[in-house]
Every structure is written in structure tokens, then in C-alpha cells.
Protein backbone atom coordinates (compact mmCIF):
# COMPACT_ATOMS: atom_id res chain seq x y z
CA UNK A 1 235.71 125.55 139.56
CA UNK A 2 234.68 122.43 137.65
CA UNK A 3 235.33 119.15 139.49
CA UNK A 4 234.92 115.54 138.39
CA UNK A 5 234.65 112.76 140.98
CA UNK A 6 235.30 109.17 139.96
CA UNK A 7 233.69 106.73 142.39
CA UNK A 8 231.73 104.24 140.34
CA UNK A 9 230.75 101.64 142.96
CA UNK A 10 229.71 100.11 145.32
CA UNK A 11 226.65 101.71 146.95
CA UNK A 12 228.24 101.80 150.40
CA UNK A 13 231.53 103.20 149.09
CA UNK A 14 229.70 105.92 147.17
CA UNK A 15 227.61 106.97 150.16
CA UNK A 16 230.72 107.11 152.35
CA UNK A 17 232.19 109.61 149.88
CA UNK A 18 229.18 111.96 149.91
CA UNK A 19 230.71 114.10 152.65
CA UNK A 20 233.21 115.51 150.13
CA UNK A 21 230.29 117.18 148.35
CA UNK A 22 229.39 119.11 151.48
CA UNK A 23 233.04 120.06 151.88
CA UNK A 24 233.31 121.41 148.32
CA UNK A 25 230.16 123.49 148.59
CA UNK A 26 231.18 124.92 151.95
CA UNK A 27 234.71 125.84 150.89
CA UNK A 28 234.22 127.01 147.29
CA UNK A 29 231.78 129.33 145.56
CA UNK A 30 230.36 128.66 142.08
CA UNK A 31 231.56 125.07 142.07
CA UNK A 32 230.26 122.49 139.59
CA UNK A 33 230.59 118.81 140.45
CA UNK A 34 230.06 115.89 138.08
CA UNK A 35 230.26 112.26 139.21
CA UNK A 36 231.08 109.16 137.17
CA UNK A 37 229.06 106.15 138.32
CA UNK A 38 228.00 102.68 137.21
CA UNK A 39 224.45 102.05 136.00
CA UNK A 40 223.26 100.32 139.19
CA UNK A 41 224.04 103.45 141.22
CA UNK A 42 222.95 106.10 138.72
CA UNK A 43 219.67 106.99 140.46
CA UNK A 44 221.49 107.49 143.76
CA UNK A 45 223.85 110.05 142.22
CA UNK A 46 221.04 111.76 140.31
CA UNK A 47 219.12 112.28 143.56
CA UNK A 48 221.92 114.20 145.29
CA UNK A 49 221.24 117.97 145.16
CA UNK A 50 224.93 118.93 145.24
CA UNK A 51 225.86 117.00 142.07
CA UNK A 52 225.39 118.75 138.73
CA UNK A 53 225.70 115.76 136.38
CA UNK A 54 225.82 112.00 136.83
CA UNK A 55 227.91 110.40 134.07
CA UNK A 56 227.01 106.80 133.31
CA UNK A 57 229.90 104.32 133.13
CA UNK A 58 228.28 101.07 131.98
CA UNK A 59 231.29 98.77 132.33
CA UNK A 60 229.29 95.63 133.22
CA UNK A 61 227.25 95.79 130.01
CA UNK A 62 230.32 96.58 127.91
CA UNK A 63 232.22 93.59 129.30
CA UNK A 64 229.32 91.20 128.63
CA UNK A 65 228.89 92.34 125.01
CA UNK A 66 232.45 93.30 124.21
CA UNK A 67 232.37 92.51 120.46
CA UNK A 68 228.96 94.04 119.72
CA UNK A 69 228.79 97.16 117.55
CA UNK A 70 226.33 98.67 120.02
CA UNK A 71 228.92 98.26 122.79
CA UNK A 72 231.57 100.20 120.87
CA UNK A 73 229.04 102.91 120.07
CA UNK A 74 228.00 103.18 123.71
CA UNK A 75 231.60 103.27 124.96
CA UNK A 76 232.72 106.01 122.56
CA UNK A 77 229.59 107.99 123.36
CA UNK A 78 230.64 107.83 127.01
CA UNK A 79 234.15 109.02 126.12
CA UNK A 80 232.82 111.96 124.10
CA UNK A 81 230.50 113.01 126.90
CA UNK A 82 233.29 112.64 129.47
CA UNK A 83 235.69 114.79 127.45
CA UNK A 84 233.09 117.37 126.46
CA UNK A 85 233.70 119.40 129.60
CA UNK A 86 237.19 120.48 130.60
CA UNK A 87 237.49 119.98 134.33
CA UNK A 88 239.86 121.90 136.56
CA UNK A 89 240.54 118.77 138.57
CA UNK A 90 239.43 115.14 138.71
CA UNK A 91 239.55 113.22 142.00
CA UNK A 92 239.81 109.45 141.62
CA UNK A 93 238.35 108.25 144.93
CA UNK A 94 238.07 104.62 143.78
CA UNK A 95 241.75 103.91 143.31
CA UNK A 96 241.46 100.81 141.11
CA UNK A 97 242.15 99.94 137.47
CA UNK A 98 238.56 100.57 136.37
CA UNK A 99 238.41 104.08 137.82
CA UNK A 100 241.90 104.71 136.46
CA UNK A 101 240.57 104.18 132.92
CA UNK A 102 237.89 106.83 133.49
CA UNK A 103 240.40 109.23 135.01
CA UNK A 104 242.81 108.70 132.12
CA UNK A 105 240.10 109.43 129.55
CA UNK A 106 238.80 112.55 131.31
CA UNK A 107 239.60 116.01 130.02
CA UNK A 108 241.01 117.49 133.22
CA UNK A 109 243.91 119.86 133.87
CA UNK A 110 244.89 118.02 137.06
CA UNK A 111 244.30 114.37 137.95
CA UNK A 112 244.47 113.50 141.64
CA UNK A 113 244.48 110.09 143.28
CA UNK A 114 245.90 107.98 146.07
CA UNK A 115 249.62 107.37 146.47
CA UNK A 116 251.38 104.02 146.10
CA UNK A 117 251.00 103.46 149.86
CA UNK A 118 247.25 104.09 149.81
CA UNK A 119 246.14 102.80 146.41
CA UNK A 120 243.88 99.76 145.93
CA UNK A 121 245.36 98.67 142.59
CA UNK A 122 248.73 99.97 141.37
CA UNK A 123 247.75 100.51 137.66
CA UNK A 124 245.61 103.42 138.88
CA UNK A 125 248.84 105.34 139.50
CA UNK A 126 249.36 105.61 135.73
CA UNK A 127 246.14 107.63 135.34
CA UNK A 128 246.82 110.22 138.03
CA UNK A 129 249.59 112.81 138.24
CA UNK A 130 249.15 114.03 141.81
CA UNK A 131 249.50 111.21 144.35
CA UNK A 132 248.46 111.77 147.95
CA UNK A 133 249.20 109.68 151.03
CA UNK A 134 246.13 108.81 153.11
CA UNK A 135 246.05 106.84 156.34
CA UNK A 136 244.20 103.61 155.44
CA UNK A 137 243.36 102.92 159.09
CA UNK A 138 241.17 105.98 159.63
CA UNK A 139 237.45 106.09 158.91
CA UNK A 140 236.56 105.70 155.23
CA UNK A 141 234.76 109.04 155.17
CA UNK A 142 237.89 110.74 156.47
CA UNK A 143 240.08 108.93 153.93
CA UNK A 144 238.14 110.47 151.03
CA UNK A 145 238.02 113.87 152.69
CA UNK A 146 241.70 113.72 153.62
CA UNK A 147 242.77 113.24 150.00
CA UNK A 148 240.89 116.33 148.89
CA UNK A 149 241.87 118.52 151.84
CA UNK A 150 245.53 117.61 151.39
CA UNK A 151 245.35 118.56 147.73
CA UNK A 152 244.08 122.02 148.66
CA UNK A 153 246.52 122.30 151.63
CA UNK A 154 243.50 122.81 153.88
CA UNK A 155 244.06 122.04 157.56
CA UNK A 156 240.90 123.77 158.80
CA UNK A 157 238.44 121.54 160.69
CA UNK A 158 235.34 120.42 158.81
CA UNK A 159 232.25 118.97 160.47
CA UNK A 160 230.56 116.16 158.55
CA UNK A 161 226.80 116.80 158.52
CA UNK A 162 225.33 115.31 155.36
CA UNK A 163 222.69 116.39 152.85
CA UNK A 164 219.13 115.13 152.31
CA UNK A 165 218.50 113.49 148.93
CA UNK A 166 215.79 114.91 146.69
CA UNK A 167 212.28 113.44 146.87
CA UNK A 168 209.30 114.19 144.67
CA UNK A 169 205.78 115.08 145.83
CA UNK A 170 204.71 111.52 145.13
CA UNK A 171 207.57 110.20 147.24
CA UNK A 172 206.64 112.59 150.06
CA UNK A 173 203.18 111.00 149.98
CA UNK A 174 204.74 107.53 150.31
CA UNK A 175 206.69 108.70 153.36
CA UNK A 176 203.61 110.12 155.07
CA UNK A 177 201.64 106.94 154.44
CA UNK A 178 204.38 104.81 156.02
CA UNK A 179 204.75 106.99 159.10
CA UNK A 180 200.98 107.15 159.68
CA UNK A 181 200.71 103.36 159.95
CA UNK A 182 198.66 102.33 162.99
CA UNK A 183 201.38 99.82 163.92
CA UNK A 184 203.89 102.65 164.50
CA UNK A 185 201.91 104.42 167.21
CA UNK A 186 204.66 104.23 169.86
CA UNK A 187 207.04 106.62 171.57
CA UNK A 188 210.14 105.34 169.76
CA UNK A 189 210.25 104.34 166.09
CA UNK A 190 213.16 102.09 165.14
CA UNK A 191 214.20 101.17 161.62
CA UNK A 192 215.75 97.70 161.49
CA UNK A 193 218.00 96.81 158.54
CA UNK A 194 219.15 93.21 159.10
CA UNK A 195 220.74 92.67 155.68
CA UNK A 196 224.31 93.05 154.45
CA UNK A 197 226.14 92.16 151.24
CA UNK A 198 227.88 89.17 152.83
CA UNK A 199 226.24 86.62 155.17
CA UNK A 200 229.25 86.84 157.48
CA UNK A 201 228.37 90.47 158.18
CA UNK A 202 224.89 89.56 159.47
CA UNK A 203 223.62 88.51 162.87
CA UNK A 204 221.89 85.14 163.04
CA UNK A 205 218.11 85.35 162.92
CA UNK A 206 217.80 83.97 166.46
CA UNK A 207 220.24 86.51 167.91
CA UNK A 208 218.62 89.43 166.11
CA UNK A 209 215.14 88.37 167.21
CA UNK A 210 216.23 87.95 170.83
CA UNK A 211 218.01 91.31 170.78
CA UNK A 212 214.97 93.13 169.36
CA UNK A 213 212.70 91.56 171.99
CA UNK A 214 215.00 92.93 174.68
CA UNK A 215 214.93 96.35 173.04
CA UNK A 216 211.14 96.42 172.80
CA UNK A 217 210.76 95.21 176.37
CA UNK A 218 212.88 98.12 177.65
CA UNK A 219 211.70 100.82 175.23
CA UNK A 220 208.21 101.76 174.08
CA UNK A 221 209.17 101.03 170.48
CA UNK A 222 207.86 99.92 167.12
CA UNK A 223 209.91 98.51 164.27
CA UNK A 224 210.12 99.30 160.56
CA UNK A 225 211.76 96.31 158.86
CA UNK A 226 213.70 97.09 155.68
CA UNK A 227 214.76 94.65 152.97
CA UNK A 228 216.71 94.73 149.71
CA UNK A 229 216.33 91.25 148.20
CA UNK A 230 213.97 88.28 148.40
CA UNK A 231 215.79 86.58 151.26
CA UNK A 232 215.88 89.78 153.33
CA UNK A 233 212.17 90.23 152.59
CA UNK A 234 211.53 86.73 153.94
CA UNK A 235 213.49 87.58 157.12
CA UNK A 236 211.67 90.91 157.49
CA UNK A 237 208.25 89.26 157.27
CA UNK A 238 209.32 86.55 159.70
CA UNK A 239 210.43 89.21 162.20
CA UNK A 240 207.21 91.16 161.73
CA UNK A 241 205.29 88.08 162.80
CA UNK A 242 207.01 88.33 166.20
CA UNK A 243 206.12 91.98 166.86
CA UNK A 244 202.62 93.45 166.82
CA UNK A 245 203.98 97.01 166.70
CA UNK A 246 205.87 96.65 163.44
CA UNK A 247 205.62 96.93 159.66
CA UNK A 248 207.56 95.60 156.69
CA UNK A 249 208.34 98.51 154.38
CA UNK A 250 208.12 97.98 150.63
CA UNK A 251 211.43 98.23 148.79
CA UNK A 252 212.44 101.89 148.70
CA UNK A 253 214.53 104.11 146.47
CA UNK A 254 217.52 105.65 148.21
CA UNK A 255 216.01 109.15 148.47
CA UNK A 256 212.80 107.84 150.10
CA UNK A 257 214.79 105.48 152.31
CA UNK A 258 217.09 108.23 153.55
CA UNK A 259 214.23 110.64 154.22
CA UNK A 260 212.31 107.92 156.07
CA UNK A 261 215.42 107.30 158.19
CA UNK A 262 215.43 110.98 159.05
CA UNK A 263 211.92 110.66 160.53
CA UNK A 264 212.60 107.72 162.85
CA UNK A 265 214.39 107.80 166.20
CA UNK A 266 216.96 105.07 165.63
CA UNK A 267 218.41 102.82 162.94
CA UNK A 268 219.68 99.35 163.83
CA UNK A 269 221.93 97.90 161.13
CA UNK A 270 224.97 95.83 160.24
CA UNK A 271 227.99 97.10 158.27
CA UNK A 272 225.97 97.81 155.13
CA UNK A 273 224.70 100.52 152.80
CA UNK A 274 221.81 101.16 155.21
CA UNK A 275 224.24 102.10 157.97
CA UNK A 276 226.27 104.33 155.63
CA UNK A 277 223.09 106.03 154.45
CA UNK A 278 222.18 106.77 158.07
CA UNK A 279 225.56 108.47 158.39
CA UNK A 280 224.34 111.20 156.00
CA UNK A 281 221.53 112.38 158.31
CA UNK A 282 220.97 113.30 161.96
CA UNK A 283 219.26 110.09 163.10
CA UNK A 284 221.00 107.90 165.70
CA UNK A 285 222.31 104.47 164.73
CA UNK A 286 223.35 101.30 166.53
CA UNK A 287 225.29 98.80 164.45
CA UNK A 288 226.93 95.42 164.91
CA UNK A 289 230.31 94.61 163.34
CA UNK A 290 232.20 91.34 162.99
CA UNK A 291 234.69 90.86 160.14
CA UNK A 292 235.15 94.59 159.50
CA UNK A 293 236.53 97.28 161.83
CA UNK A 294 233.94 99.62 163.28
CA UNK A 295 236.53 102.41 163.54
CA UNK A 296 236.95 102.34 159.76
CA UNK A 297 233.35 101.86 158.60
CA UNK A 298 231.04 103.17 161.34
CA UNK A 299 229.49 106.60 160.64
CA UNK A 300 231.34 109.41 162.38
CA UNK A 301 229.97 111.13 165.49
CA UNK A 302 228.55 110.45 168.95
CA UNK A 303 225.07 109.75 167.59
CA UNK A 304 226.44 106.56 165.99
CA UNK A 305 227.45 103.65 168.22
CA UNK A 306 228.74 100.21 167.21
CA UNK A 307 229.33 96.86 168.88
CA UNK A 308 232.36 94.91 167.66
CA UNK A 309 232.41 91.11 167.74
CA UNK A 310 235.67 89.24 168.30
CA UNK A 311 237.22 86.54 166.15
CA UNK A 312 237.60 83.24 168.04
CA UNK A 313 240.27 82.14 165.55
CA UNK A 314 242.52 85.13 166.37
CA UNK A 315 242.50 86.55 162.81
CA UNK A 316 244.10 90.02 162.81
CA UNK A 317 243.15 92.81 160.43
CA UNK A 318 243.24 96.62 160.21
CA UNK A 319 240.19 97.09 158.01
CA UNK A 320 238.55 93.87 156.83
CA UNK A 321 239.07 90.25 157.80
CA UNK A 322 241.01 88.38 155.07
CA UNK A 323 238.63 85.42 155.34
CA UNK A 324 235.38 87.44 155.42
CA UNK A 325 234.01 85.67 152.33
CA UNK A 326 235.41 82.21 153.01
CA UNK A 327 234.96 81.79 156.78
CA UNK A 328 232.59 78.85 157.26
CA UNK A 329 231.17 79.99 160.59
CA UNK A 330 231.22 83.80 160.60
CA UNK A 331 231.64 83.30 164.34
CA UNK A 332 232.78 86.87 165.05
CA UNK A 333 229.19 88.04 164.45
CA UNK A 334 226.96 84.98 164.08
CA UNK A 335 227.97 83.54 167.47
CA UNK A 336 227.34 86.77 169.37
CA UNK A 337 224.97 86.67 172.34
CA UNK A 338 221.94 88.94 172.27
CA UNK A 339 222.30 89.85 175.96
CA UNK A 340 225.83 91.20 175.42
CA UNK A 341 224.75 93.23 172.40
CA UNK A 342 221.74 94.58 174.29
CA UNK A 343 223.79 95.60 177.34
CA UNK A 344 226.13 97.54 175.09
CA UNK A 345 223.18 99.13 173.31
CA UNK A 346 221.19 100.14 176.39
CA UNK A 347 224.21 101.64 178.16
CA UNK A 348 224.83 103.84 175.12
CA UNK A 349 221.13 104.66 174.69
CA UNK A 350 220.74 105.76 178.30
CA UNK A 351 223.92 107.82 178.14
CA UNK A 352 222.76 109.42 174.89
CA UNK A 353 219.39 110.39 176.34
CA UNK A 354 220.97 111.76 179.51
CA UNK A 355 223.19 113.98 177.39
CA UNK A 356 220.17 115.22 175.42
CA UNK A 357 218.33 116.03 178.67
CA UNK A 358 221.37 117.92 179.99
CA UNK A 359 221.62 119.95 176.77
CA UNK A 360 217.94 120.84 176.98
């Protein structure tokens, strides 16, 4: 069976859809999966061992240079490549107008997408012929999986495990060098990812610092601080200055980042791509949520635990706060107290370790 998946962006959304790849390869033999993706996320798709081909959809460049001859040439080259293979089925997991264009242009026998009740943008309905209802209040990973399982009338349980991304020999050397750092010579290694796409998804620096000091005081731990842009790098270096047993990790590709996560004991993150990446491996995670629902975005399973802040303005939402981008205070997360977060964390951590001891 030849399958095309359309999920072009963003990084977090793409990672949250990776579990469908494991499902396909567990349920079907001799399956081929291609994935349409935007340029910024091409390397991520290329690094996944269960994807046969990553198909570049360079919409941002095309929109900027709409009237250029080179743009038309690039676009029609994309269309030819997309239609070169006849797919048995295309799954539009994005559900917006942009992904609908890709789905419409694809050479597939069957085109499957979300129903009117579940769709992000209604024009997408024109591109798909099979429309499936999905509960928008369940975890994002289950929403993607639910669409596909419903299409195949599959009600059998499926355990989400995840797959390691491919790393080269050179990248393996980078991993070893990081883990052998003299500043990581502690019982517990914790990766800290303080960044998120929106400031209102991040803890304040003071709260994060206070929380990490409480963690280190209770646990024999060292920290690996991760960053994705210049501001996050500044924060990471500032935090490192507060902890002797810590390092700031150079900016990593997704395969190296994921494999490094797999070799630490815990990941501390916000609602971000780092948290979603941790959901593809076996490492434990503790995350802090504010303007988004942890039930919808937190990785699935007991090894992942999240603390949910409360809105002091009584905003109600099922998935994401309607004023996430415009709220001037971000109080649901930025006004949280480190002691409350730590108490939630340590209760879960102790319970987790007791369960591991019992199993052993």
C-alpha cells in the first residue's frame, strides 16, 4: 500500500503525528509512506526511518516571489513530483486550506480528511472525499491516530511507543562528547528546555530558576540547558551560571536532540516542540502548561506528567486560550509559584520511582 501524509507544519504538530507511522508499519506489510512538508521541517521528515520520501512544499518562498518565473517553475516541479506516484490513499492531517491544495493536487485513489465538525478551515473539505469525525478534545496524538483508525474500521488497541530518528556516525560522536562532560557527573541527568513559541507559554526566569534550585537540592542532578534562538541561548547561559553541575548544549538537529533526550533521565519543558519530541521516546518528562490544555497536548503515558496553571481572569477553553497571543500578563503560567510546581513534581517523581522499584 502506498500512503501519502499531508502535514506540512509546524514542528510540534508534525512530531505529534509521528505515532501514525508506527501504527501503519505495525498494521500493514509492504507499506510505503511519503510525507509532504514545508522547507523548514524537511530535515526532520528526512531523518525518520519509517518515511520513504519527504516531498518539499515550499509555500513560503512561492508566496514571497509569486510573479517570478523561477517560482512557477518550482511550483510545477512540485506538482509533477507529487503526481508522479499514484497513492492508494492520502491522509490530510493538517485540515487547512494550504494542505487542502496539496491533497487536491495529489494523485491518490482516496482522499481522507477531517469532517466539518473537526476541520480547521472549511475549504479543506473540497479537497477530500472521505470525511471523518474526530473528537477535538482528546489528545492531539490520538486525534491523528483516530482519523486513520476510523478509516480502516480498526478498533483494536494500539500502544504509542515512538521511533528513534536516524543519526550518523559523526552525530553519534557529538552525543558521546556531550554525555561525557565533567559537569554531568551526577546520578540524575535532566534536560531543561525553557523555550516555547509564544512567551505566554513560558515560565518567568525567576520562577524557573527557583524551581530548578529546589529540584537540584532534592535530587543529585545535573542540567543540560537547550536553546533554539538567541534569546533562549541567553537564558540558557544565564541559568548555567547558577548551577555548577550544568552545561549549555550547542544548537542541535532534531535527530541528535531526540537521541540525547533518550540518554538522560528526565526532560523538563513547556508546551513546545521539545516536549512533543520527548513523547516519541521512553524518557520521562515534566512539563508546565498555562494557556493550553495539558490533556490535549501533553505526551501520552504515565512517564509524562504535567502541571496546569489556572487563569485568574476566568477564561474558558477546551484546547487553547483565545487570548494566548494577546494576553498582556500571561498570568496563568508566568505568575505561578515555584514551590507549588515543585511539590507537584516531587510527588510525581517519588511515585514514579516507587513504581519502578516495585516492578523490579
